Amino acid sequence: MIAQVGDRIIVKGTHVGDASRVGVVTALRHPDGTPPYEVRWLDDGHIGLIFPGPETHVEHPADPD
């Protein structure tokens, strides 16, 4: 997984009824864009470090979806 500052990180819920969580990458720990990422979560504004798992994907700002 490769991300850039400004990309969205979407984490799908792992249980039935769990909502997806969306955050914006605010900083990279590695210049090549590999994890972990510093993310500001849109639902509560919390900033944290994420090591994305298989339920996570990245959306670039230019992506149509």
N, C-alpha and C. Protein backbone atom coordinates (compact mmCIF):
# COMPACT_ATOMS: atom_id res chain seq x y z
N MET A 1 0.84 -1.17 0.00
CA MET A 1 0.00 0.00 0.00
C MET A 1 0.90 1.24 0.00
N ILE A 2 0.58 2.15 -0.90
CA ILE A 2 1.31 3.41 -1.01
C ILE A 2 0.30 4.55 -0.87
N ALA A 3 0.64 5.55 -0.07
CA ALA A 3 -0.22 6.71 0.12
C ALA A 3 0.61 7.98 0.09
N GLN A 4 -0.08 9.09 -0.10
CA GLN A 4 0.54 10.42 -0.08
C GLN A 4 -0.26 11.29 0.87
N VAL A 5 0.35 12.36 1.36
CA VAL A 5 -0.37 13.31 2.20
C VAL A 5 -1.57 13.82 1.40
N GLY A 6 -2.73 13.84 2.04
CA GLY A 6 -3.97 14.27 1.39
C GLY A 6 -4.85 13.12 0.93
N ASP A 7 -4.30 11.91 0.82
CA ASP A 7 -5.09 10.75 0.44
C ASP A 7 -6.05 10.39 1.57
N ARG A 8 -7.13 9.73 1.19
CA ARG A 8 -8.08 9.23 2.20
C ARG A 8 -7.78 7.77 2.49
N ILE A 9 -7.86 7.44 3.76
CA ILE A 9 -7.73 6.05 4.22
C ILE A 9 -9.12 5.61 4.64
N ILE A 10 -9.60 4.51 4.08
CA ILE A 10 -10.91 3.98 4.42
C ILE A 10 -10.70 2.61 5.07
N VAL A 11 -11.22 2.47 6.27
CA VAL A 11 -11.14 1.21 7.00
C VAL A 11 -12.56 0.66 7.10
N LYS A 12 -12.81 -0.47 6.45
CA LYS A 12 -14.14 -1.08 6.49
C LYS A 12 -14.36 -1.74 7.85
N GLY A 13 -15.61 -1.71 8.31
CA GLY A 13 -15.96 -2.38 9.55
C GLY A 13 -15.71 -3.87 9.45
N THR A 14 -15.31 -4.48 10.54
CA THR A 14 -14.98 -5.91 10.51
C THR A 14 -16.13 -6.79 11.00
N HIS A 15 -17.15 -6.18 11.59
CA HIS A 15 -18.31 -6.93 12.08
C HIS A 15 -19.57 -6.40 11.42
N VAL A 16 -20.59 -7.23 11.35
CA VAL A 16 -21.87 -6.80 10.79
C VAL A 16 -22.36 -5.58 11.56
N GLY A 17 -22.73 -4.54 10.84
CA GLY A 17 -23.24 -3.32 11.46
C GLY A 17 -22.17 -2.28 11.76
N ASP A 18 -20.90 -2.65 11.68
CA ASP A 18 -19.82 -1.68 11.89
C ASP A 18 -19.76 -0.72 10.71
N ALA A 19 -19.61 0.55 11.00
CA ALA A 19 -19.46 1.55 9.95
C ALA A 19 -18.01 1.61 9.48
N SER A 20 -17.82 2.07 8.27
CA SER A 20 -16.46 2.31 7.78
C SER A 20 -15.93 3.56 8.45
N ARG A 21 -14.62 3.65 8.58
CA ARG A 21 -13.98 4.83 9.18
C ARG A 21 -13.13 5.48 8.10
N VAL A 22 -13.22 6.79 7.99
CA VAL A 22 -12.51 7.53 6.95
C VAL A 22 -11.59 8.55 7.61
N GLY A 23 -10.36 8.61 7.11
CA GLY A 23 -9.40 9.57 7.60
C GLY A 23 -8.59 10.14 6.45
N VAL A 24 -7.88 11.22 6.73
CA VAL A 24 -7.02 11.86 5.73
C VAL A 24 -5.57 11.73 6.19
N VAL A 25 -4.70 11.29 5.29
CA VAL A 25 -3.28 11.16 5.61
C VAL A 25 -2.71 12.56 5.80
N THR A 26 -2.13 12.81 6.98
CA THR A 26 -1.56 14.12 7.29
C THR A 26 -0.04 14.11 7.29
N ALA A 27 0.56 12.92 7.41
CA ALA A 27 2.03 12.82 7.40
C ALA A 27 2.45 11.40 7.08
N LEU A 28 3.61 11.29 6.46
CA LEU A 28 4.20 9.99 6.14
C LEU A 28 5.40 9.76 7.04
N ARG A 29 5.64 8.52 7.40
CA ARG A 29 6.82 8.16 8.19
C ARG A 29 7.97 7.73 7.29
N HIS A 30 7.64 7.33 6.04
CA HIS A 30 8.65 6.89 5.08
C HIS A 30 8.47 7.68 3.78
N PRO A 31 9.55 8.17 3.20
CA PRO A 31 9.43 8.98 1.99
C PRO A 31 8.87 8.22 0.78
N ASP A 32 8.89 6.89 0.80
CA ASP A 32 8.36 6.12 -0.33
C ASP A 32 6.86 5.89 -0.24
N GLY A 33 6.20 6.41 0.81
CA GLY A 33 4.75 6.32 0.92
C GLY A 33 4.23 5.02 1.53
N THR A 34 5.12 4.22 2.10
CA THR A 34 4.69 2.98 2.74
C THR A 34 4.26 3.24 4.18
N PRO A 35 3.44 2.35 4.75
CA PRO A 35 2.97 2.54 6.12
C PRO A 35 4.10 2.51 7.13
N PRO A 36 3.84 3.05 8.30
CA PRO A 36 2.59 3.58 8.84
C PRO A 36 2.32 5.00 8.37
N TYR A 37 1.07 5.43 8.59
CA TYR A 37 0.64 6.77 8.20
C TYR A 37 0.07 7.50 9.41
N GLU A 38 0.29 8.82 9.45
CA GLU A 38 -0.40 9.65 10.42
C GLU A 38 -1.70 10.09 9.76
N VAL A 39 -2.80 9.85 10.45
CA VAL A 39 -4.13 10.08 9.87
C VAL A 39 -4.98 10.92 10.82
N ARG A 40 -5.72 11.87 10.23
CA ARG A 40 -6.74 12.62 10.99
C ARG A 40 -8.09 12.03 10.61
N TRP A 41 -8.76 11.44 11.61
CA TRP A 41 -10.05 10.79 11.38
C TRP A 41 -11.14 11.84 11.23
N LEU A 42 -11.96 11.69 10.19
CA LEU A 42 -12.98 12.69 9.90
C LEU A 42 -14.15 12.66 10.88
N ASP A 43 -14.42 11.52 11.51
CA ASP A 43 -15.57 11.44 12.41
C ASP A 43 -15.35 12.17 13.73
N ASP A 44 -14.11 12.22 14.22
CA ASP A 44 -13.89 12.88 15.51
C ASP A 44 -12.67 13.80 15.55
N GLY A 45 -11.93 13.92 14.44
CA GLY A 45 -10.78 14.82 14.38
C GLY A 45 -9.52 14.29 15.04
N HIS A 46 -9.60 13.09 15.63
CA HIS A 46 -8.44 12.50 16.30
C HIS A 46 -7.33 12.24 15.29
N ILE A 47 -6.09 12.51 15.68
CA ILE A 47 -4.93 12.22 14.84
C ILE A 47 -4.18 11.06 15.46
N GLY A 48 -3.91 10.05 14.65
CA GLY A 48 -3.23 8.87 15.15
C GLY A 48 -2.40 8.21 14.07
N LEU A 49 -1.63 7.24 14.48
CA LEU A 49 -0.77 6.48 13.59
C LEU A 49 -1.49 5.19 13.22
N ILE A 50 -1.51 4.84 11.94
CA ILE A 50 -2.19 3.63 11.50
C ILE A 50 -1.23 2.75 10.72
N PHE A 51 -1.29 1.48 11.03
CA PHE A 51 -0.61 0.43 10.27
C PHE A 51 -1.74 -0.32 9.57
N PRO A 52 -2.06 0.02 8.31
CA PRO A 52 -3.26 -0.51 7.66
C PRO A 52 -3.23 -2.03 7.50
N GLY A 53 -4.41 -2.61 7.70
CA GLY A 53 -4.60 -4.04 7.53
C GLY A 53 -5.33 -4.34 6.23
N PRO A 54 -5.74 -5.59 6.04
CA PRO A 54 -6.39 -5.99 4.79
C PRO A 54 -7.75 -5.36 4.56
N GLU A 55 -8.37 -4.82 5.61
CA GLU A 55 -9.68 -4.18 5.47
C GLU A 55 -9.57 -2.70 5.12
N THR A 56 -8.35 -2.25 4.82
CA THR A 56 -8.08 -0.83 4.56
C THR A 56 -7.71 -0.60 3.11
N HIS A 57 -8.18 0.52 2.55
CA HIS A 57 -7.71 0.92 1.22
C HIS A 57 -7.52 2.42 1.17
N VAL A 58 -6.78 2.86 0.15
CA VAL A 58 -6.43 4.27 -0.03
C VAL A 58 -7.19 4.81 -1.23
N GLU A 59 -7.72 6.01 -1.09
CA GLU A 59 -8.32 6.74 -2.22
C GLU A 59 -7.51 8.00 -2.45
N HIS A 60 -7.02 8.18 -3.64
CA HIS A 60 -6.29 9.39 -4.01
C HIS A 60 -7.30 10.46 -4.38
N PRO A 61 -7.02 11.75 -4.14
CA PRO A 61 -7.99 12.81 -4.44
C PRO A 61 -8.51 12.81 -5.87
N ALA A 62 -7.71 12.36 -6.82
CA ALA A 62 -8.14 12.34 -8.22
C ALA A 62 -8.99 11.12 -8.56
N ASP A 63 -9.14 10.14 -7.64
CA ASP A 63 -9.96 8.95 -7.91
C ASP A 63 -11.41 9.35 -8.04
N PRO A 64 -12.11 8.83 -9.07
CA PRO A 64 -13.52 9.17 -9.27
C PRO A 64 -14.44 8.55 -8.22
N ASP A 65 -14.05 7.49 -7.55
CA ASP A 65 -14.92 6.80 -6.57
C ASP A 65 -14.70 7.34 -5.19
